[in-house]
Amino acid sequence: MSRNLTADLAADLRTRIVDGAIQPGDKLPSENTLINEFGVSRTVVRAALTRLQAEGLVETERGRGSFALTPPPEGPTAGQGTRSVVTMEDRLHLLEFRIGVEAEAAALAARNHTDRQLRTILKALEEFTAGVEHPAHAMKADYEFHRAIAAASGNPFYSDCLASLGQTMIAMPRTRLMTGAEQYARDHFDQVVHEHRSIYAAIAEGDESSSSAAMRNHLANSRRRFRAGR
């Protein structure tokens, strides 16, 4: 019976995360709230959260609670050559893959972008910068920034590639959820903003080689930061 209650609670929370009712970076309801809402024991709640942690959907910090991470991609592209990104190794492989793809997309964006596409990139950059206190909003804007660059390349296969990966390609650094890591997290965020601005500036100037180098540098740094932060 307890096993079924655990599965039911895990399924409910999983659905909320995947559907976006609980967004990446958002705090999950407290143990006491879940106990009252579902009429289950604390043991059941903790077992359900442990299951979601194993799936890579939840990060739990002692004394702070549990937070949603980026869910795996859903929809028509899921299961059609798109791998779920769950483990640290998955994240590192994905960032390595993105370096090759997005560095070239940035170079093409510098050559082919329209004024409207450039404004879309800038809007995503501004929304990302404004999201310093809102991890879920920042992650969405981060994804839109990279997707806008892919669209500006003029090659629809780059857009299709990033669309198939979905927002799961943007990692939620564990340090953004850790107690006492506020300054580290802010420094990390400011560095990413600087890197995004460098990419945008190079694309706006039409400098293909600098755009490629700026994107490559950003994603290589992201890979290094993720390795250090996880």
Protein backbone atom coordinates (compact mmCIF):
# COMPACT_ATOMS: atom_id res chain seq x y z
CA MET A 1 0.00 0.00 0.00
CA SER A 2 2.78 2.39 0.98
CA ARG A 3 4.54 1.58 -2.28
CA ASN A 4 1.45 2.60 -4.29
CA LEU A 5 1.10 5.84 -2.31
CA THR A 6 4.72 6.64 -3.03
CA ALA A 7 4.23 6.00 -6.76
CA ASP A 8 1.04 8.09 -6.84
CA LEU A 9 2.67 11.05 -5.10
CA ALA A 10 5.78 10.84 -7.28
CA ALA A 11 3.58 10.70 -10.40
CA ASP A 12 1.60 13.77 -9.32
CA LEU A 13 4.72 15.84 -8.63
CA ARG A 14 6.37 14.58 -11.82
CA THR A 15 3.36 15.77 -13.84
CA ARG A 16 3.45 19.19 -12.20
CA ILE A 17 7.14 19.58 -13.05
CA VAL A 18 6.89 18.32 -16.63
CA ASP A 19 3.75 20.38 -17.34
CA GLY A 20 5.39 23.50 -15.92
CA ALA A 21 3.04 23.98 -12.97
CA ILE A 22 6.24 23.73 -10.93
CA GLN A 23 8.96 25.37 -13.02
CA PRO A 24 12.74 24.78 -12.92
CA GLY A 25 14.14 26.50 -9.86
CA ASP A 26 10.78 26.63 -8.07
CA LYS A 27 10.51 25.21 -4.57
CA LEU A 28 8.26 22.17 -4.18
CA PRO A 29 5.53 22.15 -1.52
CA SER A 30 6.92 21.40 1.95
CA GLU A 31 6.79 17.92 3.45
CA ASN A 32 4.01 19.01 5.80
CA THR A 33 2.00 20.46 2.91
CA LEU A 34 2.30 17.24 0.92
CA ILE A 35 1.40 15.16 3.97
CA ASN A 36 -1.79 17.17 4.47
CA GLU A 37 -2.65 17.40 0.78
CA PHE A 38 -2.28 13.69 0.03
CA GLY A 39 -3.00 12.22 3.45
CA VAL A 40 0.24 10.24 3.49
CA SER A 41 3.05 9.74 5.97
CA ARG A 42 6.36 11.59 6.02
CA THR A 43 8.04 8.34 4.97
CA VAL A 44 5.92 8.25 1.80
CA VAL A 45 6.72 11.89 1.00
CA ARG A 46 10.46 11.36 1.40
CA ALA A 47 10.37 8.17 -0.66
CA ALA A 48 8.57 10.00 -3.48
CA LEU A 49 11.10 12.84 -3.41
CA THR A 50 13.96 10.35 -3.44
CA ARG A 51 12.44 8.76 -6.54
CA LEU A 52 12.22 12.14 -8.28
CA GLN A 53 15.81 12.91 -7.29
CA ALA A 54 16.91 9.67 -8.95
CA GLU A 55 15.10 10.75 -12.11
CA GLY A 56 16.94 14.07 -12.12
CA LEU A 57 13.76 16.09 -11.63
CA VAL A 58 14.35 17.31 -8.08
CA GLU A 59 17.25 18.65 -6.02
CA THR A 60 16.92 18.59 -2.23
CA GLU A 61 18.94 20.84 0.06
CA ARG A 62 19.04 20.16 3.78
CA GLY A 63 17.22 22.91 5.65
CA ARG A 64 15.89 24.53 2.48
CA GLY A 65 13.60 21.98 0.88
CA SER A 66 13.29 20.48 -2.59
CA PHE A 67 13.55 22.35 -5.88
CA ALA A 68 12.51 21.40 -9.41
CA LEU A 69 15.20 20.88 -12.02
CA THR A 70 14.80 20.96 -15.80
CA PRO A 71 12.53 18.10 -16.94
CA PRO A 72 13.44 15.91 -19.90
CA PRO A 73 11.90 16.85 -23.26
CA GLU A 74 8.33 15.80 -23.93
CA GLY A 75 6.17 15.81 -27.02
CA PRO A 76 6.58 14.55 -30.59
CA THR A 77 10.38 14.76 -30.58
CA ALA A 78 10.79 12.78 -27.36
CA GLY A 79 11.94 9.25 -27.98
CA GLN A 80 12.87 10.02 -31.60
CA GLY A 81 16.63 10.25 -31.28
CA THR A 82 16.47 12.65 -28.33
CA ARG A 83 18.15 11.33 -25.23
CA SER A 84 16.96 12.17 -21.74
CA VAL A 85 19.45 14.37 -19.92
CA VAL A 86 19.64 13.17 -16.33
CA THR A 87 23.16 12.44 -15.14
CA MET A 88 26.21 14.68 -14.87
CA GLU A 89 27.80 12.73 -17.71
CA ASP A 90 24.73 13.41 -19.88
CA ARG A 91 25.06 17.14 -19.18
CA LEU A 92 28.75 17.19 -20.03
CA HIS A 93 28.20 15.26 -23.28
CA LEU A 94 25.38 17.62 -24.21
CA LEU A 95 27.50 20.72 -23.62
CA GLU A 96 30.29 19.20 -25.70
CA PHE A 97 27.80 18.55 -28.51
CA ARG A 98 26.41 22.08 -28.25
CA ILE A 99 29.87 23.62 -28.62
CA GLY A 100 30.19 22.15 -32.10
CA VAL A 101 26.64 22.96 -33.20
CA GLU A 102 26.10 26.39 -31.68
CA ALA A 103 29.51 27.83 -32.48
CA GLU A 104 28.76 27.36 -36.17
CA ALA A 105 25.18 28.61 -35.73
CA ALA A 106 26.53 31.81 -34.16
CA ALA A 107 28.89 32.36 -37.08
CA LEU A 108 26.04 31.93 -39.54
CA ALA A 109 23.85 34.25 -37.46
CA ALA A 110 26.51 36.97 -37.76
CA ARG A 111 26.37 36.59 -41.54
CA ASN A 112 22.66 36.03 -42.12
CA HIS A 113 20.64 37.68 -39.34
CA THR A 114 17.84 40.11 -40.09
CA ASP A 115 17.19 43.21 -38.00
CA ARG A 116 14.12 41.54 -36.53
CA GLN A 117 16.08 38.42 -35.57
CA LEU A 118 18.76 40.57 -33.94
CA ARG A 119 16.08 42.30 -31.87
CA THR A 120 14.77 38.91 -30.78
CA ILE A 121 18.24 37.90 -29.60
CA LEU A 122 18.59 41.18 -27.71
CA LYS A 123 15.17 40.79 -26.08
CA ALA A 124 16.09 37.33 -24.80
CA LEU A 125 19.40 38.70 -23.50
CA GLU A 126 17.61 41.50 -21.63
CA GLU A 127 15.07 39.08 -20.14
CA PHE A 128 17.86 36.77 -19.03
CA THR A 129 19.72 39.66 -17.40
CA ALA A 130 16.55 40.70 -15.57
CA GLY A 131 16.05 37.16 -14.24
CA VAL A 132 18.86 37.18 -11.68
CA GLU A 133 16.41 36.70 -8.79
CA HIS A 134 14.15 34.30 -10.70
CA PRO A 135 15.97 31.10 -11.79
CA ALA A 136 12.97 29.70 -13.68
CA HIS A 137 12.58 32.89 -15.74
CA ALA A 138 16.32 33.12 -16.33
CA MET A 139 16.49 29.54 -17.59
CA LYS A 140 13.65 30.14 -20.04
CA ALA A 141 15.28 33.35 -21.32
CA ASP A 142 18.64 31.55 -21.58
CA TYR A 143 17.04 28.92 -23.80
CA GLU A 144 15.28 31.58 -25.90
CA PHE A 145 18.60 33.40 -26.38
CA HIS A 146 20.26 30.32 -27.83
CA ARG A 147 17.21 29.41 -29.87
CA ALA A 148 17.02 32.93 -31.33
CA ILE A 149 20.63 32.66 -32.46
CA ALA A 150 19.91 29.32 -34.12
CA ALA A 151 16.96 30.89 -35.94
CA ALA A 152 19.12 33.82 -37.06
CA SER A 153 21.56 31.39 -38.69
CA GLY A 154 19.14 31.07 -41.59
CA ASN A 155 19.50 27.29 -41.52
CA PRO A 156 16.34 25.61 -40.18
CA PHE A 157 18.23 22.50 -39.11
CA TYR A 158 19.90 24.45 -36.31
CA SER A 159 16.51 25.61 -35.06
CA ASP A 160 15.16 22.08 -35.28
CA CYS A 161 18.12 20.75 -33.33
CA LEU A 162 17.65 23.16 -30.41
CA ALA A 163 13.88 22.69 -30.47
CA SER A 164 14.35 18.92 -30.17
CA LEU A 165 16.64 19.38 -27.18
CA GLY A 166 14.17 21.73 -25.50
CA GLN A 167 14.85 23.69 -22.34
CA THR A 168 16.50 20.58 -20.88
CA MET A 169 19.70 21.72 -22.61
CA ILE A 170 19.96 24.56 -20.06
CA ALA A 171 21.43 23.18 -16.84
CA MET A 172 20.30 24.39 -13.42
CA PRO A 173 23.57 24.79 -11.49
CA ARG A 174 23.33 23.15 -8.09
CA THR A 175 25.07 26.16 -6.55
CA ARG A 176 21.97 28.28 -7.26
CA LEU A 177 20.08 26.12 -4.77
CA MET A 178 22.70 25.88 -2.05
CA THR A 179 22.56 27.60 1.29
CA GLY A 180 25.31 30.17 1.71
CA ALA A 181 26.15 30.22 -1.99
CA GLU A 182 24.32 33.45 -2.90
CA GLN A 183 27.44 35.44 -3.79
CA TYR A 184 28.91 32.55 -5.77
CA ALA A 185 25.64 32.19 -7.64
CA ARG A 186 25.52 35.93 -8.40
CA ASP A 187 29.11 35.91 -9.66
CA HIS A 188 28.26 32.91 -11.83
CA PHE A 189 25.18 34.66 -13.22
CA ASP A 190 27.07 37.89 -13.94
CA GLN A 191 29.72 35.93 -15.82
CA VAL A 192 27.09 34.23 -17.99
CA VAL A 193 25.48 37.61 -18.72
CA HIS A 194 28.89 38.94 -19.80
CA GLU A 195 29.40 35.94 -22.09
CA HIS A 196 25.93 36.34 -23.63
CA ARG A 197 26.59 40.02 -24.27
CA SER A 198 29.86 39.17 -26.01
CA ILE A 199 28.05 36.74 -28.29
CA TYR A 200 25.33 39.27 -29.09
CA ALA A 201 27.84 42.06 -29.79
CA ALA A 202 29.82 39.90 -32.22
CA ILE A 203 26.67 38.83 -34.07
CA ALA A 204 25.42 42.42 -34.24
CA GLU A 205 28.74 43.48 -35.75
CA GLY A 206 28.53 40.72 -38.34
CA ASP A 207 31.84 39.23 -37.18
CA GLU A 208 31.57 35.52 -37.95
CA SER A 209 34.82 34.36 -36.39
CA SER A 210 34.30 36.37 -33.19
CA SER A 211 30.71 35.15 -32.89
CA SER A 212 31.83 31.55 -33.19
CA ALA A 213 34.66 32.07 -30.71
CA ALA A 214 32.38 33.84 -28.20
CA MET A 215 29.82 31.03 -28.33
CA ARG A 216 32.52 28.37 -28.06
CA ASN A 217 34.03 30.18 -25.07
CA HIS A 218 30.64 30.51 -23.37
CA LEU A 219 29.72 26.85 -23.73
CA ALA A 220 33.21 25.65 -22.75
CA ASN A 221 32.94 27.81 -19.63
CA SER A 222 29.46 26.44 -18.96
CA ARG A 223 30.87 22.94 -19.15
CA ARG A 224 33.65 23.87 -16.72
CA ARG A 225 31.25 25.60 -14.33
CA PHE A 226 28.84 22.69 -14.40
CA ARG A 227 31.61 20.20 -13.69
CA ALA A 228 32.82 22.32 -10.76
CA GLY A 229 29.35 23.06 -9.40
CA ARG A 230 27.93 19.58 -9.50
